[in-house]
Amino acid sequence: MKVWQILLIILLVLIAILAVLYFLGKRAQKKQEEQQAQIEAAKQTIHMLIIDKKRLPIKQSGLPQMVIDQTPKLMRRSKLPIVKAKVGPKIVTLVADEQVFDLIPVKKEVKADVSGIYITGVKGVRGSLATPPKKQGFFKRMRTKAMNMVKNNEK
């Protein structure tokens, strides 16, 4: 076999893989849009006092066994943003959306948009919620440390 034939075969295989990924991605996007519409339809606003929030594996989260059994096997190992809150007289374990998890204050009262056991939005009851500072990456942290050391040596 010549080199151009091997390159042509590799190119055809890559095109086939890209086509399959394109169609799988389109299907996953449609599924996600349908799920988002269902979440929006079932959304309620609830007053709650946030007791604790952590990222925990689903088995240690304290969610009902039925919820744990329904999660896909690949998802069971990953850590979920879990929130323990007092809703009325009950203490409830909820799962927060990734974008909302950092905004949730601990030991404060909030109005949360909840769909089932899923928190989709948070608003402060008394005043606005303080957005936490964005974490710096490793290299940016090292650069600021180096700049501070240089400034200290110059003095």
N, C-alpha and C. Protein backbone atom coordinates (compact mmCIF):
# COMPACT_ATOMS: atom_id res chain seq x y z
N MET A 1 0.83 -1.19 0.00
CA MET A 1 0.00 0.00 0.00
C MET A 1 0.87 1.25 0.00
N LYS A 2 0.38 2.21 -0.71
CA LYS A 2 1.11 3.47 -0.78
C LYS A 2 0.67 4.40 0.35
N VAL A 3 1.49 5.39 0.57
CA VAL A 3 1.25 6.32 1.67
C VAL A 3 -0.07 7.08 1.46
N TRP A 4 -0.35 7.51 0.25
CA TRP A 4 -1.58 8.28 0.00
C TRP A 4 -2.83 7.44 0.23
N GLN A 5 -2.74 6.12 -0.01
CA GLN A 5 -3.89 5.25 0.25
C GLN A 5 -4.15 5.13 1.75
N ILE A 6 -3.09 5.01 2.52
CA ILE A 6 -3.24 4.93 3.98
C ILE A 6 -3.82 6.23 4.53
N LEU A 7 -3.33 7.36 4.03
CA LEU A 7 -3.85 8.66 4.46
C LEU A 7 -5.32 8.82 4.08
N LEU A 8 -5.71 8.31 2.92
CA LEU A 8 -7.10 8.39 2.47
C LEU A 8 -8.00 7.56 3.39
N ILE A 9 -7.55 6.37 3.77
CA ILE A 9 -8.33 5.51 4.68
C ILE A 9 -8.48 6.19 6.04
N ILE A 10 -7.40 6.76 6.57
CA ILE A 10 -7.46 7.46 7.86
C ILE A 10 -8.41 8.65 7.77
N LEU A 11 -8.37 9.38 6.67
CA LEU A 11 -9.26 10.52 6.48
C LEU A 11 -10.73 10.08 6.45
N LEU A 12 -11.03 8.98 5.75
CA LEU A 12 -12.41 8.49 5.70
C LEU A 12 -12.90 8.04 7.08
N VAL A 13 -12.03 7.39 7.84
CA VAL A 13 -12.40 6.96 9.19
C VAL A 13 -12.67 8.17 10.07
N LEU A 14 -11.84 9.20 9.98
CA LEU A 14 -12.05 10.41 10.77
C LEU A 14 -13.35 11.11 10.38
N ILE A 15 -13.67 11.15 9.11
CA ILE A 15 -14.92 11.77 8.66
C ILE A 15 -16.11 10.99 9.20
N ALA A 16 -16.03 9.67 9.19
CA ALA A 16 -17.12 8.84 9.71
C ALA A 16 -17.30 9.08 11.21
N ILE A 17 -16.21 9.16 11.94
CA ILE A 17 -16.29 9.41 13.38
C ILE A 17 -16.90 10.78 13.66
N LEU A 18 -16.50 11.79 12.91
CA LEU A 18 -17.05 13.13 13.09
C LEU A 18 -18.54 13.17 12.79
N ALA A 19 -18.98 12.44 11.76
CA ALA A 19 -20.40 12.41 11.41
C ALA A 19 -21.21 11.76 12.54
N VAL A 20 -20.71 10.65 13.08
CA VAL A 20 -21.41 9.98 14.18
C VAL A 20 -21.49 10.90 15.40
N LEU A 21 -20.39 11.57 15.74
CA LEU A 21 -20.39 12.49 16.89
C LEU A 21 -21.35 13.66 16.66
N TYR A 22 -21.45 14.14 15.43
CA TYR A 22 -22.35 15.24 15.13
C TYR A 22 -23.80 14.83 15.40
N PHE A 23 -24.20 13.67 14.90
CA PHE A 23 -25.58 13.23 15.08
C PHE A 23 -25.88 12.88 16.54
N LEU A 24 -24.93 12.28 17.25
CA LEU A 24 -25.14 12.00 18.67
C LEU A 24 -25.25 13.29 19.47
N GLY A 25 -24.45 14.28 19.13
CA GLY A 25 -24.52 15.56 19.81
C GLY A 25 -25.84 16.27 19.57
N LYS A 26 -26.34 16.19 18.37
CA LYS A 26 -27.63 16.81 18.05
C LYS A 26 -28.76 16.15 18.84
N ARG A 27 -28.72 14.83 18.94
CA ARG A 27 -29.73 14.09 19.69
C ARG A 27 -29.66 14.44 21.19
N ALA A 28 -28.45 14.53 21.71
CA ALA A 28 -28.28 14.88 23.13
C ALA A 28 -28.76 16.30 23.40
N GLN A 29 -28.54 17.20 22.45
CA GLN A 29 -28.99 18.57 22.62
C GLN A 29 -30.52 18.66 22.64
N LYS A 30 -31.19 17.90 21.77
CA LYS A 30 -32.66 17.88 21.78
C LYS A 30 -33.19 17.33 23.10
N LYS A 31 -32.56 16.26 23.60
CA LYS A 31 -32.97 15.65 24.86
C LYS A 31 -32.81 16.63 26.01
N GLN A 32 -31.70 17.37 26.01
CA GLN A 32 -31.44 18.33 27.07
C GLN A 32 -32.44 19.48 27.03
N GLU A 33 -32.81 19.94 25.84
CA GLU A 33 -33.80 21.01 25.71
C GLU A 33 -35.17 20.56 26.22
N GLU A 34 -35.54 19.31 25.95
CA GLU A 34 -36.81 18.78 26.45
C GLU A 34 -36.80 18.70 27.98
N GLN A 35 -35.69 18.25 28.56
CA GLN A 35 -35.58 18.16 30.00
C GLN A 35 -35.64 19.55 30.64
N GLN A 36 -35.00 20.53 30.00
CA GLN A 36 -35.02 21.90 30.52
C GLN A 36 -36.44 22.46 30.50
N ALA A 37 -37.20 22.13 29.46
CA ALA A 37 -38.60 22.59 29.38
C ALA A 37 -39.44 21.96 30.50
N GLN A 38 -39.20 20.67 30.80
CA GLN A 38 -39.92 20.01 31.88
C GLN A 38 -39.57 20.63 33.23
N ILE A 39 -38.30 20.94 33.43
CA ILE A 39 -37.87 21.57 34.68
C ILE A 39 -38.54 22.93 34.84
N GLU A 40 -38.58 23.72 33.78
CA GLU A 40 -39.20 25.04 33.84
C GLU A 40 -40.70 24.94 34.12
N ALA A 41 -41.35 23.90 33.60
CA ALA A 41 -42.79 23.75 33.80
C ALA A 41 -43.12 23.38 35.25
N ALA A 42 -42.25 22.63 35.91
CA ALA A 42 -42.52 22.16 37.27
C ALA A 42 -41.88 23.05 38.34
N LYS A 43 -41.34 24.19 37.96
CA LYS A 43 -40.60 25.04 38.88
C LYS A 43 -41.53 25.77 39.86
N GLN A 44 -41.13 25.82 41.15
CA GLN A 44 -41.86 26.54 42.19
C GLN A 44 -40.85 27.38 42.97
N THR A 45 -41.32 28.50 43.52
CA THR A 45 -40.46 29.32 44.37
C THR A 45 -40.76 28.99 45.82
N ILE A 46 -39.71 28.67 46.59
CA ILE A 46 -39.86 28.23 47.98
C ILE A 46 -38.90 29.02 48.86
N HIS A 47 -39.37 29.43 50.05
CA HIS A 47 -38.49 30.03 51.05
C HIS A 47 -37.79 28.90 51.80
N MET A 48 -36.49 29.03 51.97
CA MET A 48 -35.75 28.00 52.70
C MET A 48 -34.54 28.61 53.41
N LEU A 49 -34.15 27.94 54.49
CA LEU A 49 -32.95 28.30 55.23
C LEU A 49 -31.88 27.28 54.87
N ILE A 50 -30.80 27.74 54.29
CA ILE A 50 -29.72 26.84 53.87
C ILE A 50 -28.90 26.45 55.09
N ILE A 51 -28.79 25.16 55.34
CA ILE A 51 -28.04 24.66 56.49
C ILE A 51 -26.60 24.34 56.08
N ASP A 52 -26.46 23.63 54.96
CA ASP A 52 -25.13 23.18 54.56
C ASP A 52 -25.12 22.95 53.06
N LYS A 53 -23.95 23.09 52.45
CA LYS A 53 -23.80 22.74 51.04
C LYS A 53 -22.43 22.11 50.84
N LYS A 54 -22.41 21.03 50.05
CA LYS A 54 -21.17 20.29 49.78
C LYS A 54 -21.26 19.62 48.43
N ARG A 55 -20.12 19.22 47.93
CA ARG A 55 -20.07 18.37 46.74
C ARG A 55 -19.79 16.95 47.25
N LEU A 56 -20.76 16.06 47.04
CA LEU A 56 -20.67 14.70 47.57
C LEU A 56 -20.98 13.68 46.49
N PRO A 57 -20.41 12.47 46.60
CA PRO A 57 -20.86 11.38 45.72
C PRO A 57 -22.32 11.07 46.03
N ILE A 58 -23.05 10.61 45.05
CA ILE A 58 -24.49 10.45 45.20
C ILE A 58 -24.85 9.44 46.29
N LYS A 59 -23.99 8.46 46.54
CA LYS A 59 -24.29 7.47 47.58
C LYS A 59 -24.20 8.07 48.98
N GLN A 60 -23.35 9.08 49.17
CA GLN A 60 -23.18 9.71 50.48
C GLN A 60 -24.04 10.96 50.64
N SER A 61 -24.84 11.28 49.64
CA SER A 61 -25.55 12.56 49.63
C SER A 61 -26.76 12.62 50.56
N GLY A 62 -27.33 11.49 50.89
CA GLY A 62 -28.52 11.49 51.73
C GLY A 62 -29.80 11.62 50.92
N LEU A 63 -29.70 11.48 49.61
CA LEU A 63 -30.89 11.49 48.76
C LEU A 63 -31.65 10.18 48.93
N PRO A 64 -32.94 10.18 48.62
CA PRO A 64 -33.71 8.92 48.73
C PRO A 64 -33.12 7.81 47.86
N GLN A 65 -33.29 6.58 48.31
CA GLN A 65 -32.73 5.43 47.59
C GLN A 65 -33.30 5.32 46.18
N MET A 66 -34.55 5.72 46.00
CA MET A 66 -35.18 5.66 44.69
C MET A 66 -34.45 6.56 43.69
N VAL A 67 -34.00 7.72 44.15
CA VAL A 67 -33.26 8.65 43.29
C VAL A 67 -31.90 8.06 42.94
N ILE A 68 -31.24 7.47 43.91
CA ILE A 68 -29.93 6.86 43.67
C ILE A 68 -30.03 5.72 42.67
N ASP A 69 -31.09 4.91 42.77
CA ASP A 69 -31.27 3.79 41.85
C ASP A 69 -31.56 4.25 40.43
N GLN A 70 -32.18 5.42 40.27
CA GLN A 70 -32.54 5.91 38.93
C GLN A 70 -31.39 6.59 38.20
N THR A 71 -30.33 6.94 38.92
CA THR A 71 -29.21 7.62 38.26
C THR A 71 -28.42 6.63 37.42
N PRO A 72 -27.89 7.09 36.28
CA PRO A 72 -27.07 6.20 35.45
C PRO A 72 -25.81 5.76 36.20
N LYS A 73 -25.31 4.58 35.85
CA LYS A 73 -24.16 4.01 36.56
C LYS A 73 -22.92 4.90 36.45
N LEU A 74 -22.71 5.54 35.30
CA LEU A 74 -21.55 6.40 35.14
C LEU A 74 -21.64 7.65 36.04
N MET A 75 -22.86 8.09 36.30
CA MET A 75 -23.06 9.30 37.10
C MET A 75 -22.88 9.04 38.60
N ARG A 76 -22.96 7.80 39.03
CA ARG A 76 -22.91 7.48 40.45
C ARG A 76 -21.56 7.77 41.09
N ARG A 77 -20.50 7.77 40.31
CA ARG A 77 -19.17 8.04 40.86
C ARG A 77 -18.87 9.53 40.96
N SER A 78 -19.54 10.34 40.15
CA SER A 78 -19.24 11.77 40.16
C SER A 78 -19.84 12.45 41.38
N LYS A 79 -19.29 13.59 41.72
CA LYS A 79 -19.77 14.34 42.88
C LYS A 79 -20.83 15.35 42.44
N LEU A 80 -21.90 15.43 43.22
CA LEU A 80 -22.99 16.35 42.93
C LEU A 80 -23.00 17.50 43.93
N PRO A 81 -23.46 18.68 43.51
CA PRO A 81 -23.61 19.78 44.46
C PRO A 81 -24.87 19.56 45.31
N ILE A 82 -24.70 19.16 46.55
CA ILE A 82 -25.80 18.83 47.45
C ILE A 82 -26.02 19.97 48.44
N VAL A 83 -27.30 20.32 48.66
CA VAL A 83 -27.66 21.38 49.60
C VAL A 83 -28.64 20.81 50.62
N LYS A 84 -28.34 21.01 51.90
CA LYS A 84 -29.29 20.65 52.96
C LYS A 84 -29.95 21.94 53.40
N ALA A 85 -31.29 21.94 53.37
CA ALA A 85 -32.03 23.16 53.69
C ALA A 85 -33.23 22.83 54.55
N LYS A 86 -33.66 23.82 55.31
CA LYS A 86 -34.86 23.68 56.12
C LYS A 86 -35.99 24.38 55.38
N VAL A 87 -36.96 23.59 54.94
CA VAL A 87 -38.13 24.11 54.24
C VAL A 87 -39.32 23.89 55.16
N GLY A 88 -39.81 24.97 55.74
CA GLY A 88 -40.86 24.83 56.75
C GLY A 88 -40.29 24.10 57.95
N PRO A 89 -40.99 23.08 58.47
CA PRO A 89 -40.45 22.34 59.62
C PRO A 89 -39.51 21.20 59.23
N LYS A 90 -39.40 20.88 57.92
CA LYS A 90 -38.61 19.73 57.48
C LYS A 90 -37.21 20.14 57.03
N ILE A 91 -36.27 19.22 57.23
CA ILE A 91 -34.93 19.38 56.67
C ILE A 91 -34.87 18.49 55.44
N VAL A 92 -34.54 19.12 54.29
CA VAL A 92 -34.60 18.44 53.00
C VAL A 92 -33.22 18.46 52.34
N THR A 93 -32.88 17.38 51.65
CA THR A 93 -31.65 17.32 50.86
C THR A 93 -32.02 17.57 49.41
N LEU A 94 -31.36 18.54 48.79
CA LEU A 94 -31.65 18.94 47.42
C LEU A 94 -30.36 18.92 46.59
N VAL A 95 -30.53 18.83 45.28
CA VAL A 95 -29.41 18.90 44.35
C VAL A 95 -29.45 20.27 43.68
N ALA A 96 -28.34 20.98 43.65
CA ALA A 96 -28.29 22.32 43.06
C ALA A 96 -27.72 22.26 41.64
N ASP A 97 -28.13 23.22 40.85
CA ASP A 97 -27.56 23.39 39.52
C ASP A 97 -26.13 23.90 39.67
N GLU A 98 -25.23 23.56 38.76
CA GLU A 98 -23.83 23.96 38.88
C GLU A 98 -23.66 25.47 38.91
N GLN A 99 -24.42 26.21 38.08
CA GLN A 99 -24.28 27.66 38.03
C GLN A 99 -24.79 28.31 39.32
N VAL A 100 -25.76 27.69 39.98
CA VAL A 100 -26.40 28.26 41.15
C VAL A 100 -25.64 27.90 42.43
N PHE A 101 -24.93 26.79 42.43
CA PHE A 101 -24.31 26.26 43.66
C PHE A 101 -23.39 27.28 44.34
N ASP A 102 -22.58 28.00 43.56
CA ASP A 102 -21.65 28.95 44.16
C ASP A 102 -22.37 30.17 44.74
N LEU A 103 -23.57 30.49 44.24
CA LEU A 103 -24.32 31.64 44.73
C LEU A 103 -25.05 31.37 46.03
N ILE A 104 -25.28 30.11 46.35
CA ILE A 104 -26.08 29.76 47.53
C ILE A 104 -25.30 30.08 48.80
N PRO A 105 -25.85 30.96 49.67
CA PRO A 105 -25.16 31.28 50.92
C PRO A 105 -25.50 30.25 51.99
N VAL A 106 -24.55 29.95 52.86
CA VAL A 106 -24.77 29.00 53.95
C VAL A 106 -25.28 29.77 55.16
N LYS A 107 -26.23 29.16 55.88
CA LYS A 107 -26.83 29.72 57.09
C LYS A 107 -27.56 31.03 56.83
N LYS A 108 -28.20 31.14 55.66
CA LYS A 108 -29.01 32.31 55.33
C LYS A 108 -30.31 31.85 54.71
N GLU A 109 -31.30 32.74 54.74
CA GLU A 109 -32.60 32.44 54.17
C GLU A 109 -32.65 32.94 52.73
N VAL A 110 -33.16 32.11 51.82
CA VAL A 110 -33.23 32.46 50.41
C VAL A 110 -34.59 32.06 49.83
N LYS A 111 -34.89 32.64 48.69
CA LYS A 111 -36.01 32.19 47.87
C LYS A 111 -35.38 31.38 46.75
N ALA A 112 -35.74 30.12 46.65
CA ALA A 112 -35.13 29.26 45.65
C ALA A 112 -36.19 28.75 44.68
N ASP A 113 -35.82 28.70 43.41
CA ASP A 113 -36.68 28.07 42.40
C ASP A 113 -36.34 26.59 42.40
N VAL A 114 -37.31 25.77 42.78
CA VAL A 114 -37.08 24.33 42.94
C VAL A 114 -38.01 23.57 42.01
N SER A 115 -37.45 22.57 41.34
CA SER A 115 -38.21 21.67 40.49
C SER A 115 -37.94 20.26 40.98
N GLY A 116 -38.85 19.70 41.77
CA GLY A 116 -38.63 18.38 42.38
C GLY A 116 -37.60 18.51 43.48
N ILE A 117 -36.43 17.86 43.28
CA ILE A 117 -35.34 17.98 44.25
C ILE A 117 -34.18 18.77 43.65
N TYR A 118 -34.44 19.56 42.62
CA TYR A 118 -33.40 20.24 41.86
C TYR A 118 -33.56 21.75 42.02
N ILE A 119 -32.55 22.43 42.55
CA ILE A 119 -32.57 23.89 42.70
C ILE A 119 -32.06 24.51 41.41
N THR A 120 -32.90 25.35 40.78
CA THR A 120 -32.51 25.96 39.51
C THR A 120 -32.17 27.44 39.62
N GLY A 121 -32.61 28.10 40.69
CA GLY A 121 -32.33 29.52 40.84
C GLY A 121 -32.41 29.92 42.30
N VAL A 122 -31.70 31.01 42.65
CA VAL A 122 -31.67 31.47 44.04
C VAL A 122 -31.73 32.99 44.06
N LYS A 123 -32.55 33.52 44.98
CA LYS A 123 -32.62 34.96 45.22
C LYS A 123 -32.54 35.17 46.72
N GLY A 124 -31.94 36.26 47.15
CA GLY A 124 -31.84 36.57 48.57
C GLY A 124 -33.16 37.10 49.10
N VAL A 125 -33.54 36.71 50.30
CA VAL A 125 -34.76 37.22 50.91
C VAL A 125 -34.51 38.63 51.43
N ARG A 126 -33.41 38.81 52.13
CA ARG A 126 -33.06 40.13 52.67
C ARG A 126 -31.84 40.65 51.92
N GLY A 127 -32.09 41.44 50.90
CA GLY A 127 -30.99 41.98 50.10
C GLY A 127 -30.56 41.01 49.02
N SER A 128 -29.54 41.41 48.29
CA SER A 128 -29.07 40.57 47.19
C SER A 128 -28.00 39.60 47.70
N LEU A 129 -27.75 38.59 46.90
CA LEU A 129 -26.73 37.61 47.24
C LEU A 129 -25.38 38.12 46.78
N ALA A 130 -24.37 37.97 47.60
CA ALA A 130 -23.02 38.38 47.24
C ALA A 130 -22.41 37.29 46.36
N THR A 131 -21.93 37.68 45.19
CA THR A 131 -21.29 36.71 44.31
C THR A 131 -19.88 36.46 44.81
N PRO A 132 -19.49 35.21 44.97
CA PRO A 132 -18.15 34.91 45.46
C PRO A 132 -17.11 35.28 44.41
N PRO A 133 -15.90 35.64 44.83
CA PRO A 133 -14.87 35.97 43.85
C PRO A 133 -14.49 34.73 43.05
N LYS A 134 -14.23 34.95 41.77
CA LYS A 134 -13.88 33.84 40.90
C LYS A 134 -12.48 33.34 41.26
N LYS A 135 -12.33 32.02 41.32
CA LYS A 135 -11.05 31.45 41.69
C LYS A 135 -10.05 31.67 40.56
N GLN A 136 -8.80 31.98 40.97
CA GLN A 136 -7.75 32.17 39.99
C GLN A 136 -7.15 30.83 39.61
N GLY A 137 -6.69 30.73 38.40
CA GLY A 137 -6.03 29.53 37.94
C GLY A 137 -4.64 29.42 38.55
N PHE A 138 -4.01 28.28 38.36
CA PHE A 138 -2.70 28.01 38.95
C PHE A 138 -1.66 29.00 38.46
N PHE A 139 -1.59 29.19 37.14
CA PHE A 139 -0.55 30.05 36.58
C PHE A 139 -0.78 31.52 36.94
N LYS A 140 -2.03 31.96 37.01
CA LYS A 140 -2.32 33.34 37.39
C LYS A 140 -1.93 33.58 38.84
N ARG A 141 -2.20 32.59 39.73
CA ARG A 141 -1.79 32.69 41.12
C ARG A 141 -0.27 32.78 41.24
N MET A 142 0.44 31.95 40.49
CA MET A 142 1.90 31.96 40.54
C MET A 142 2.45 33.28 40.01
N ARG A 143 1.81 33.84 38.97
CA ARG A 143 2.26 35.11 38.41
C ARG A 143 2.08 36.24 39.43
N THR A 144 0.93 36.25 40.12
CA THR A 144 0.72 37.31 41.13
C THR A 144 1.69 37.17 42.29
N LYS A 145 2.00 35.94 42.70
CA LYS A 145 2.98 35.73 43.77
C LYS A 145 4.35 36.24 43.34
N ALA A 146 4.73 35.93 42.10
CA ALA A 146 6.03 36.37 41.59
C ALA A 146 6.08 37.89 41.51
N MET A 147 5.00 38.52 41.06
CA MET A 147 4.97 39.99 40.97
C MET A 147 5.07 40.61 42.36
N ASN A 148 4.39 40.02 43.35
CA ASN A 148 4.47 40.53 44.72
C ASN A 148 5.87 40.39 45.28
N MET A 149 6.54 39.28 44.98
CA MET A 149 7.91 39.08 45.47
C MET A 149 8.85 40.10 44.84
N VAL A 150 8.65 40.38 43.56
CA VAL A 150 9.49 41.36 42.87
C VAL A 150 9.28 42.74 43.47
N LYS A 151 8.03 43.10 43.76
CA LYS A 151 7.74 44.40 44.36
C LYS A 151 8.34 44.50 45.75
N ASN A 152 8.28 43.43 46.54
CA ASN A 152 8.85 43.44 47.88
C ASN A 152 10.37 43.55 47.85
N ASN A 153 11.01 42.93 46.88
CA ASN A 153 12.48 43.00 46.76
C ASN A 153 12.94 44.38 46.33
N GLU A 154 12.11 45.09 45.55
CA GLU A 154 12.48 46.41 45.09
C GLU A 154 12.46 47.42 46.22
N LYS A 155 11.63 47.20 47.23
CA LYS A 155 11.50 48.16 48.35
C LYS A 155 12.66 48.11 49.26
